[in-house]
Amino acid sequence: MVAHAWSRSVTIMTLDSAGATPLYEQLAEILREQIRTRKIPPNRKLPSVKALQQQYGCAQGTAEHAIRVLKAEGLVKPVKGKGVYVI
């Protein structure tokens, strides 16, 4: 995977479209790891779906599915009109 600067504290890894793991799960794993290591700390807003699309070169549905997975795992919560935040 190739790392790209996203912010001072977060590194972006590319998604492997030829891999056996679905892209949404790859993206969810990247975000999970960033949450686990506190590169995206509690109470911090996740990047928007559009930002995730641009940063990872994925489809809107892929980014939305990855966020749904994280919500189901209890790692993030939506705040109406504000975005999705790390718990």
C-alpha atoms as a PDB file:
ATOM      1  CA  MET A   1       0.000   0.000   0.000  1.00  0.00           C
ATOM      2  CA  VAL A   2       1.126   3.533  -0.717  1.00  0.00           C
ATOM      3  CA  ALA A   3       0.912   6.146   2.020  1.00  0.00           C
ATOM      4  CA  HIS A   4      -0.207   9.701   1.264  1.00  0.00           C
ATOM      5  CA  ALA A   5      -0.427  12.686   3.592  1.00  0.00           C
ATOM      6  CA  TRP A   6      -3.999  13.350   4.748  1.00  0.00           C
ATOM      7  CA  SER A   7      -3.251  15.580   7.695  1.00  0.00           C
ATOM      8  CA  ARG A   8      -0.398  15.942  10.093  1.00  0.00           C
ATOM      9  CA  SER A   9      -1.433  12.929  12.125  1.00  0.00           C
ATOM     10  CA  VAL A  10      -3.263  10.648   9.685  1.00  0.00           C
ATOM     11  CA  THR A  11      -1.804   8.648   6.817  1.00  0.00           C
ATOM     12  CA  ILE A  12      -3.907   7.408   3.916  1.00  0.00           C
ATOM     13  CA  MET A  13      -3.428   3.948   2.531  1.00  0.00           C
ATOM     14  CA  THR A  14      -4.701   3.021  -0.910  1.00  0.00           C
ATOM     15  CA  LEU A  15      -7.412   0.447  -1.478  1.00  0.00           C
ATOM     16  CA  ASP A  16      -6.581  -2.724  -3.406  1.00  0.00           C
ATOM     17  CA  SER A  17      -9.304  -3.230  -6.001  1.00  0.00           C
ATOM     18  CA  ALA A  18      -7.669  -6.497  -7.127  1.00  0.00           C
ATOM     19  CA  GLY A  19      -7.684  -7.951  -3.609  1.00  0.00           C
ATOM     20  CA  ALA A  20     -10.093 -10.540  -2.230  1.00  0.00           C
ATOM     21  CA  THR A  21     -11.335  -8.226   0.543  1.00  0.00           C
ATOM     22  CA  PRO A  22     -14.217  -5.937  -0.497  1.00  0.00           C
ATOM     23  CA  LEU A  23     -13.230  -2.269  -0.836  1.00  0.00           C
ATOM     24  CA  TYR A  24     -15.716  -1.143   1.834  1.00  0.00           C
ATOM     25  CA  GLU A  25     -14.129  -3.555   4.319  1.00  0.00           C
ATOM     26  CA  GLN A  26     -10.622  -2.378   3.396  1.00  0.00           C
ATOM     27  CA  LEU A  27     -11.709   1.213   4.011  1.00  0.00           C
ATOM     28  CA  ALA A  28     -13.454   0.281   7.254  1.00  0.00           C
ATOM     29  CA  GLU A  29     -10.249  -1.449   8.412  1.00  0.00           C
ATOM     30  CA  ILE A  30      -8.137   1.612   7.608  1.00  0.00           C
ATOM     31  CA  LEU A  31     -10.530   3.840   9.563  1.00  0.00           C
ATOM     32  CA  ARG A  32     -10.737   1.272  12.404  1.00  0.00           C
ATOM     33  CA  GLU A  33      -6.957   1.295  12.719  1.00  0.00           C
ATOM     34  CA  GLN A  34      -6.861   5.088  12.725  1.00  0.00           C
ATOM     35  CA  ILE A  35      -9.483   5.099  15.488  1.00  0.00           C
ATOM     36  CA  ARG A  36      -7.694   2.354  17.455  1.00  0.00           C
ATOM     37  CA  THR A  37      -4.364   4.186  17.331  1.00  0.00           C
ATOM     38  CA  ARG A  38      -6.093   7.519  18.047  1.00  0.00           C
ATOM     39  CA  LYS A  39      -4.926   9.063  14.801  1.00  0.00           C
ATOM     40  CA  ILE A  40      -8.610   9.928  14.651  1.00  0.00           C
ATOM     41  CA  PRO A  41      -9.292  10.513  18.362  1.00  0.00           C
ATOM     42  CA  PRO A  42     -12.594  10.279  20.260  1.00  0.00           C
ATOM     43  CA  ASN A  43     -15.040  13.101  19.551  1.00  0.00           C
ATOM     44  CA  ARG A  44     -13.301  13.889  16.236  1.00  0.00           C
ATOM     45  CA  LYS A  45     -15.436  14.077  13.119  1.00  0.00           C
ATOM     46  CA  LEU A  46     -14.738  11.474  10.440  1.00  0.00           C
ATOM     47  CA  PRO A  47     -14.029  12.767   6.946  1.00  0.00           C
ATOM     48  CA  SER A  48     -17.181  13.192   4.879  1.00  0.00           C
ATOM     49  CA  VAL A  49     -18.225  10.552   2.362  1.00  0.00           C
ATOM     50  CA  LYS A  50     -17.100  12.903  -0.404  1.00  0.00           C
ATOM     51  CA  ALA A  51     -13.702  13.405   1.248  1.00  0.00           C
ATOM     52  CA  LEU A  52     -13.268   9.648   1.670  1.00  0.00           C
ATOM     53  CA  GLN A  53     -14.147   9.164  -2.022  1.00  0.00           C
ATOM     54  CA  GLN A  54     -11.513  11.686  -3.050  1.00  0.00           C
ATOM     55  CA  GLN A  55      -8.841  10.517  -0.619  1.00  0.00           C
ATOM     56  CA  TYR A  56      -9.197   6.805  -1.322  1.00  0.00           C
ATOM     57  CA  GLY A  57     -10.435   6.889  -4.918  1.00  0.00           C
ATOM     58  CA  CYS A  58     -13.537   4.879  -4.096  1.00  0.00           C
ATOM     59  CA  ALA A  59     -17.215   5.096  -4.959  1.00  0.00           C
ATOM     60  CA  GLN A  60     -19.748   6.889  -2.778  1.00  0.00           C
ATOM     61  CA  GLY A  61     -21.410   3.571  -1.895  1.00  0.00           C
ATOM     62  CA  THR A  62     -18.075   2.113  -0.760  1.00  0.00           C
ATOM     63  CA  ALA A  63     -17.455   5.012   1.637  1.00  0.00           C
ATOM     64  CA  GLU A  64     -21.042   4.908   2.932  1.00  0.00           C
ATOM     65  CA  HIS A  65     -20.855   1.138   3.489  1.00  0.00           C
ATOM     66  CA  ALA A  66     -17.562   1.460   5.403  1.00  0.00           C
ATOM     67  CA  ILE A  67     -19.125   4.072   7.704  1.00  0.00           C
ATOM     68  CA  ARG A  68     -22.204   1.859   8.235  1.00  0.00           C
ATOM     69  CA  VAL A  69     -19.883  -0.973   9.298  1.00  0.00           C
ATOM     70  CA  LEU A  70     -18.162   1.288  11.838  1.00  0.00           C
ATOM     71  CA  LYS A  71     -21.547   2.470  13.145  1.00  0.00           C
ATOM     72  CA  ALA A  72     -22.701  -1.141  13.558  1.00  0.00           C
ATOM     73  CA  GLU A  73     -19.513  -1.881  15.512  1.00  0.00           C
ATOM     74  CA  GLY A  74     -20.183   1.047  17.839  1.00  0.00           C
ATOM     75  CA  LEU A  75     -17.022   2.919  16.861  1.00  0.00           C
ATOM     76  CA  VAL A  76     -18.730   6.003  15.456  1.00  0.00           C
ATOM     77  CA  LYS A  77     -22.044   7.784  15.820  1.00  0.00           C
ATOM     78  CA  PRO A  78     -23.900  10.119  13.511  1.00  0.00           C
ATOM     79  CA  VAL A  79     -24.833  13.564  14.790  1.00  0.00           C
ATOM     80  CA  LYS A  80     -27.767  14.900  12.802  1.00  0.00           C
ATOM     81  CA  GLY A  81     -26.715  17.766  10.564  1.00  0.00           C
ATOM     82  CA  LYS A  82     -23.102  17.661  11.766  1.00  0.00           C
ATOM     83  CA  GLY A  83     -21.493  14.436  10.520  1.00  0.00           C
ATOM     84  CA  VAL A  84     -20.197  11.183  11.957  1.00  0.00           C
ATOM     85  CA  TYR A  85     -18.018  11.268  15.084  1.00  0.00           C
ATOM     86  CA  VAL A  86     -15.681   8.791  16.747  1.00  0.00           C
ATOM     87  CA  ILE A  87     -17.028   7.514  20.058  1.00  0.00           C
END
